[in-house]
Amino acid sequence: MSKHERWSRLLELLAAEGRLDVEDAATTLAVSPATIRRDLDELADQHMLVRTRGGAIAHGVSYELPLRYKSSRHASEKQRIAAAVAELICEGDVVGLNGGTTTTEVARALALRAGGSGGGGRRESSDASAPSFTVVTNALNIAGELAVRPQIKIVVTGGVVRPQTYELVGPLTVGVLNEVVLDVAVLGVDGVDPQLGVMTHQEDEASISRLFTERARRVIVVTDSSKMGRRAFARICGLDRIDVLVTDSALPSDMAARLTEAGIKVHTV
């Protein structure tokens, strides 16, 4: 297990339990206590946790795992989801992407499409030099990855950066999104509940994601099945605003049925 994988697992355990014991963590990760102590010291230096005698505790009551430590979670599922989403988007579409690990994979899949890997439909255009897609995003990491792709036009919202997710939020972000029209919005979320709809951890991110849905003709939610039936703090929108949900094949059949009854097209990969 690499250091990055250990750190991801340690932060996942901390998010679940609120505290870590060195000996217990060493047993769980099958490494030495000395390795765990070094890892916790380095994570504490990055202000990711608070070291205690014999272990560590999380900062505060509400703990959100930063994006850079979530990239290895359900990675294969997210890549399959992203590939399926890319097939649902027509060339020439204006695509809104919020932040998150799954939408980052969607951006990469769109980059492959734009590079000539085929798939999807094509919009009529008299300009042969027109970009394959226009991507509007409030996620700095997504913009950075796509900026080197000449076939994709990138529009980045302004705003204040949330370092946990690399997302831009606030009035400047709202100002830009109010001036654009999207063919499709692709949203990563932290929870999907049959009664409450789709949710995320932070209210400022929820308000921006909600605006993405309001500016789009079609809304696609992308999430691995671990988020299904889970609730998060801030509501984005109800299920009535979602057109398509793409998730992995571990989606429970009863949940799939409830989403279908709500009028959502469910794609499992």
Protein backbone atom coordinates (compact mmCIF):
# COMPACT_ATOMS: atom_id res chain seq x y z
CA MET A 1 0.00 0.00 0.00
CA SER A 2 1.43 3.38 -1.05
CA LYS A 3 1.62 6.39 1.25
CA HIS A 4 -1.17 8.10 -0.69
CA GLU A 5 -3.42 5.06 -0.26
CA ARG A 6 -2.60 4.86 3.47
CA TRP A 7 -3.40 8.53 3.95
CA SER A 8 -6.70 8.14 2.11
CA ARG A 9 -7.65 5.16 4.29
CA LEU A 10 -6.60 6.93 7.49
CA LEU A 11 -8.69 9.97 6.63
CA GLU A 12 -11.65 7.76 5.72
CA LEU A 13 -11.39 6.02 9.10
CA LEU A 14 -11.11 9.37 10.82
CA ALA A 15 -14.17 10.70 8.97
CA ALA A 16 -16.16 7.64 10.05
CA GLU A 17 -15.02 7.40 13.68
CA GLY A 18 -13.94 10.92 14.61
CA ARG A 19 -10.72 9.60 16.16
CA LEU A 20 -7.91 7.15 15.41
CA ASP A 21 -5.81 4.89 17.61
CA VAL A 22 -2.33 4.12 16.30
CA GLU A 23 -2.43 0.43 17.18
CA ASP A 24 -5.92 -0.11 15.75
CA ALA A 25 -5.05 1.75 12.56
CA ALA A 26 -1.86 -0.27 12.16
CA THR A 27 -3.85 -3.50 12.43
CA THR A 28 -6.51 -2.31 9.99
CA LEU A 29 -3.97 -1.19 7.37
CA ALA A 30 -1.56 -4.09 8.04
CA VAL A 31 1.44 -1.82 8.60
CA SER A 32 3.64 -1.06 11.59
CA PRO A 33 2.60 1.39 14.33
CA ALA A 34 5.74 3.40 13.50
CA THR A 35 4.47 3.90 9.95
CA ILE A 36 1.08 5.06 11.23
CA ARG A 37 2.74 7.52 13.63
CA ARG A 38 4.77 9.04 10.80
CA ASP A 39 1.66 9.27 8.62
CA LEU A 40 -0.34 10.98 11.35
CA ASP A 41 2.48 13.42 12.04
CA GLU A 42 2.64 14.38 8.36
CA LEU A 43 -1.13 14.73 8.09
CA ALA A 44 -1.11 16.90 11.21
CA ASP A 45 1.54 19.11 9.57
CA GLN A 46 -0.93 19.62 6.71
CA HIS A 47 -3.67 20.52 9.21
CA MET A 48 -5.70 17.48 8.15
CA LEU A 49 -6.10 16.22 11.73
CA VAL A 50 -5.06 16.89 15.31
CA ARG A 51 -2.48 14.58 16.86
CA THR A 52 -3.22 13.17 20.28
CA ARG A 53 -1.30 10.84 22.54
CA GLY A 54 -1.63 7.46 20.87
CA GLY A 55 -3.56 8.63 17.84
CA ALA A 56 -5.44 11.55 16.28
CA ILE A 57 -8.81 13.29 16.21
CA ALA A 58 -10.65 15.12 13.45
CA HIS A 59 -10.93 18.90 13.24
CA GLY A 60 -14.35 19.80 14.63
CA VAL A 61 -17.58 17.84 14.50
CA SER A 62 -18.28 17.93 10.75
CA TYR A 63 -15.47 16.36 8.76
CA GLU A 64 -15.23 16.56 4.97
CA LEU A 65 -12.60 14.49 3.23
CA PRO A 66 -10.68 16.78 0.84
CA LEU A 67 -10.82 16.01 -2.87
CA ARG A 68 -7.15 15.10 -3.20
CA TYR A 69 -7.64 12.24 -0.73
CA LYS A 70 -10.88 10.96 -2.30
CA SER A 71 -9.57 10.27 -5.80
CA SER A 72 -8.73 6.63 -5.08
CA ARG A 73 -12.16 5.76 -3.64
CA HIS A 74 -14.34 3.72 -6.02
CA ALA A 75 -11.98 4.77 -8.83
CA SER A 76 -12.95 2.08 -11.34
CA GLU A 77 -16.66 2.70 -10.81
CA LYS A 78 -16.20 6.44 -11.37
CA GLN A 79 -14.28 5.84 -14.60
CA ARG A 80 -17.04 3.58 -15.94
CA ILE A 81 -19.67 6.12 -14.93
CA ALA A 82 -17.73 8.89 -16.68
CA ALA A 83 -17.39 6.89 -19.89
CA ALA A 84 -21.15 6.24 -19.91
CA VAL A 85 -21.92 9.94 -19.33
CA ALA A 86 -19.66 10.97 -22.21
CA GLU A 87 -21.79 8.82 -24.51
CA LEU A 88 -24.91 10.76 -23.42
CA ILE A 89 -23.50 14.13 -24.47
CA CYS A 90 -23.60 15.41 -28.05
CA GLU A 91 -20.63 17.07 -29.70
CA GLY A 92 -21.16 20.81 -29.66
CA ASP A 93 -23.04 20.73 -26.36
CA VAL A 94 -22.44 23.32 -23.67
CA VAL A 95 -21.75 21.22 -20.58
CA GLY A 96 -21.76 22.43 -16.98
CA LEU A 97 -19.58 20.54 -14.52
CA ASN A 98 -19.45 21.13 -10.79
CA GLY A 99 -16.52 19.87 -8.72
CA GLY A 100 -15.79 16.39 -7.42
CA THR A 101 -13.94 13.22 -8.25
CA THR A 102 -16.65 11.77 -10.49
CA THR A 103 -17.16 14.96 -12.50
CA THR A 104 -13.38 15.16 -12.87
CA GLU A 105 -13.51 11.73 -14.49
CA VAL A 106 -16.34 12.97 -16.72
CA ALA A 107 -14.12 15.85 -17.84
CA ARG A 108 -11.38 13.38 -18.73
CA ALA A 109 -13.83 11.21 -20.67
CA LEU A 110 -15.02 14.27 -22.61
CA ALA A 111 -11.40 15.11 -23.37
CA LEU A 112 -10.99 11.66 -24.90
CA ARG A 113 -14.17 12.19 -26.93
CA ALA A 114 -12.89 15.54 -28.16
CA GLY A 115 -9.61 13.89 -29.08
CA GLY A 116 -11.37 11.69 -31.61
CA SER A 117 -12.41 8.56 -29.71
CA GLY A 118 -15.97 8.81 -31.09
CA GLY A 119 -19.29 8.09 -29.41
CA GLY A 120 -22.33 10.22 -28.72
CA GLY A 121 -24.20 12.35 -31.23
CA ARG A 122 -23.15 15.41 -33.17
CA ARG A 123 -24.86 18.78 -33.38
CA GLU A 124 -25.16 20.50 -36.73
CA SER A 125 -22.48 23.16 -37.19
CA SER A 126 -21.27 25.10 -40.21
CA ASP A 127 -17.93 25.82 -38.53
CA ALA A 128 -15.52 22.91 -38.91
CA SER A 129 -13.16 24.57 -36.44
CA ALA A 130 -15.81 24.84 -33.72
CA PRO A 131 -14.86 23.16 -30.43
CA SER A 132 -16.20 19.67 -29.77
CA PHE A 133 -17.60 20.85 -26.45
CA THR A 134 -17.90 23.98 -24.37
CA VAL A 135 -17.38 23.22 -20.68
CA VAL A 136 -18.53 25.67 -18.02
CA THR A 137 -17.11 24.78 -14.62
CA ASN A 138 -16.51 26.22 -11.19
CA ALA A 139 -13.83 23.59 -10.45
CA LEU A 140 -10.24 24.76 -10.85
CA ASN A 141 -8.81 21.26 -11.20
CA ILE A 142 -11.20 20.44 -14.05
CA ALA A 143 -10.40 23.70 -15.81
CA GLY A 144 -6.68 23.03 -15.41
CA GLU A 145 -6.94 19.57 -16.95
CA LEU A 146 -9.02 20.74 -19.92
CA ALA A 147 -7.17 23.98 -20.59
CA VAL A 148 -4.58 22.16 -22.74
CA ARG A 149 -7.31 20.64 -24.94
CA PRO A 150 -7.82 22.94 -27.97
CA GLN A 151 -10.96 21.02 -28.97
CA ILE A 152 -12.71 22.08 -25.76
CA LYS A 153 -13.70 25.65 -24.98
CA ILE A 154 -13.36 26.29 -21.24
CA VAL A 155 -15.42 28.85 -19.34
CA VAL A 156 -14.38 29.21 -15.69
CA THR A 157 -16.59 31.00 -13.22
CA GLY A 158 -15.09 33.51 -10.86
CA GLY A 159 -15.45 33.16 -7.13
CA VAL A 160 -13.73 32.23 -3.90
CA VAL A 161 -11.88 28.90 -3.83
CA ARG A 162 -12.84 26.15 -1.41
CA PRO A 163 -9.51 24.32 -0.95
CA GLN A 164 -11.17 21.04 0.03
CA THR A 165 -12.85 20.64 -3.38
CA TYR A 166 -11.12 23.24 -5.61
CA GLU A 167 -14.56 24.70 -6.31
CA LEU A 168 -15.28 28.40 -6.79
CA VAL A 169 -18.27 29.71 -4.86
CA GLY A 170 -19.90 33.01 -3.96
CA PRO A 171 -21.46 36.02 -5.75
CA LEU A 172 -18.87 36.11 -8.54
CA THR A 173 -19.66 32.50 -9.41
CA VAL A 174 -23.38 33.25 -9.42
CA GLY A 175 -22.82 36.27 -11.66
CA VAL A 176 -21.15 34.22 -14.40
CA LEU A 177 -23.62 31.33 -14.27
CA ASN A 178 -26.54 33.74 -14.54
CA GLU A 179 -25.18 34.85 -17.92
CA VAL A 180 -24.84 31.41 -19.58
CA VAL A 181 -27.21 28.78 -20.94
CA LEU A 182 -26.27 25.09 -20.70
CA ASP A 183 -27.37 22.14 -22.79
CA VAL A 184 -26.58 19.75 -19.96
CA ALA A 185 -25.38 20.02 -16.37
CA VAL A 186 -23.43 17.09 -14.92
CA LEU A 187 -23.48 17.12 -11.14
CA GLY A 188 -21.43 15.20 -8.63
CA VAL A 189 -23.22 14.88 -5.29
CA ASP A 190 -22.61 13.56 -1.77
CA GLY A 191 -26.01 12.04 -1.18
CA VAL A 192 -29.17 10.91 -2.98
CA ASP A 193 -32.35 10.47 -0.95
CA PRO A 194 -35.76 9.46 -2.40
CA GLN A 195 -37.57 12.09 -0.32
CA LEU A 196 -35.10 14.97 -0.14
CA GLY A 197 -33.38 14.73 -3.50
CA VAL A 198 -29.65 15.29 -4.07
CA MET A 199 -27.33 16.86 -1.50
CA THR A 200 -23.79 17.94 -0.75
CA HIS A 201 -21.82 18.76 2.40
CA GLN A 202 -21.53 22.55 2.03
CA GLU A 203 -24.34 25.05 1.58
CA ASP A 204 -22.29 27.37 -0.66
CA GLU A 205 -21.48 24.51 -3.04
CA ALA A 206 -25.13 23.40 -2.98
CA SER A 207 -26.34 26.84 -4.09
CA ILE A 208 -23.93 26.85 -7.05
CA SER A 209 -24.88 23.30 -8.06
CA ARG A 210 -28.55 24.31 -7.85
CA LEU A 211 -27.85 27.19 -10.22
CA PHE A 212 -26.21 24.76 -12.66
CA THR A 213 -29.51 22.82 -12.73
CA GLU A 214 -31.51 25.99 -13.33
CA ARG A 215 -29.35 27.01 -16.30
CA ALA A 216 -29.48 23.60 -18.04
CA ARG A 217 -32.00 21.94 -20.36
CA ARG A 218 -30.99 18.53 -19.04
CA VAL A 219 -29.48 17.47 -15.70
CA ILE A 220 -27.36 14.34 -15.21
CA VAL A 221 -26.36 13.25 -11.70
CA VAL A 222 -23.24 11.10 -11.46
CA THR A 223 -22.36 9.17 -8.32
CA ASP A 224 -21.14 5.79 -7.23
CA SER A 225 -23.69 3.62 -5.42
CA SER A 226 -22.16 4.31 -1.98
CA LYS A 227 -23.92 7.72 -2.03
CA MET A 228 -27.36 6.26 -2.71
CA GLY A 229 -29.74 6.53 0.24
CA ARG A 230 -27.25 8.79 2.02
CA ARG A 231 -28.06 12.29 3.25
CA ALA A 232 -25.73 15.28 3.43
CA PHE A 233 -26.11 18.68 5.07
CA ALA A 234 -27.10 20.91 2.15
CA ARG A 235 -29.86 20.16 -0.37
CA ILE A 236 -29.20 20.91 -4.03
CA CYS A 237 -32.57 20.09 -5.56
CA GLY A 238 -35.40 17.57 -5.63
CA LEU A 239 -35.53 14.49 -7.81
CA ASP A 240 -38.03 16.23 -10.09
CA ARG A 241 -35.20 18.36 -11.47
CA ILE A 242 -33.02 15.35 -12.38
CA ASP A 243 -33.36 13.80 -15.84
CA VAL A 244 -30.72 11.07 -15.72
CA LEU A 245 -28.74 9.33 -12.97
CA VAL A 246 -25.63 7.33 -13.84
CA THR A 247 -24.19 5.04 -11.18
CA ASP A 248 -22.55 1.65 -10.81
CA SER A 249 -24.21 -1.76 -10.86
CA ALA A 250 -24.24 -2.06 -7.06
CA LEU A 251 -27.28 0.24 -6.96
CA PRO A 252 -29.99 -1.55 -4.89
CA SER A 253 -32.96 -2.60 -7.00
CA ASP A 254 -35.48 -0.93 -4.69
CA MET A 255 -33.64 2.37 -4.95
CA ALA A 256 -33.51 2.06 -8.75
CA ALA A 257 -37.27 1.47 -8.78
CA ARG A 258 -37.99 4.53 -6.63
CA LEU A 259 -35.82 6.73 -8.83
CA THR A 260 -37.52 5.41 -11.96
CA GLU A 261 -40.92 6.09 -10.42
CA ALA A 262 -39.77 9.67 -9.86
CA GLY A 263 -39.26 10.02 -13.62
CA ILE A 264 -35.47 9.62 -13.67
CA LYS A 265 -33.73 7.56 -16.33
CA VAL A 266 -31.33 5.32 -14.39
CA HIS A 267 -28.17 4.04 -16.10
CA THR A 268 -26.01 1.49 -14.27
CA VAL A 269 -22.54 0.51 -15.48
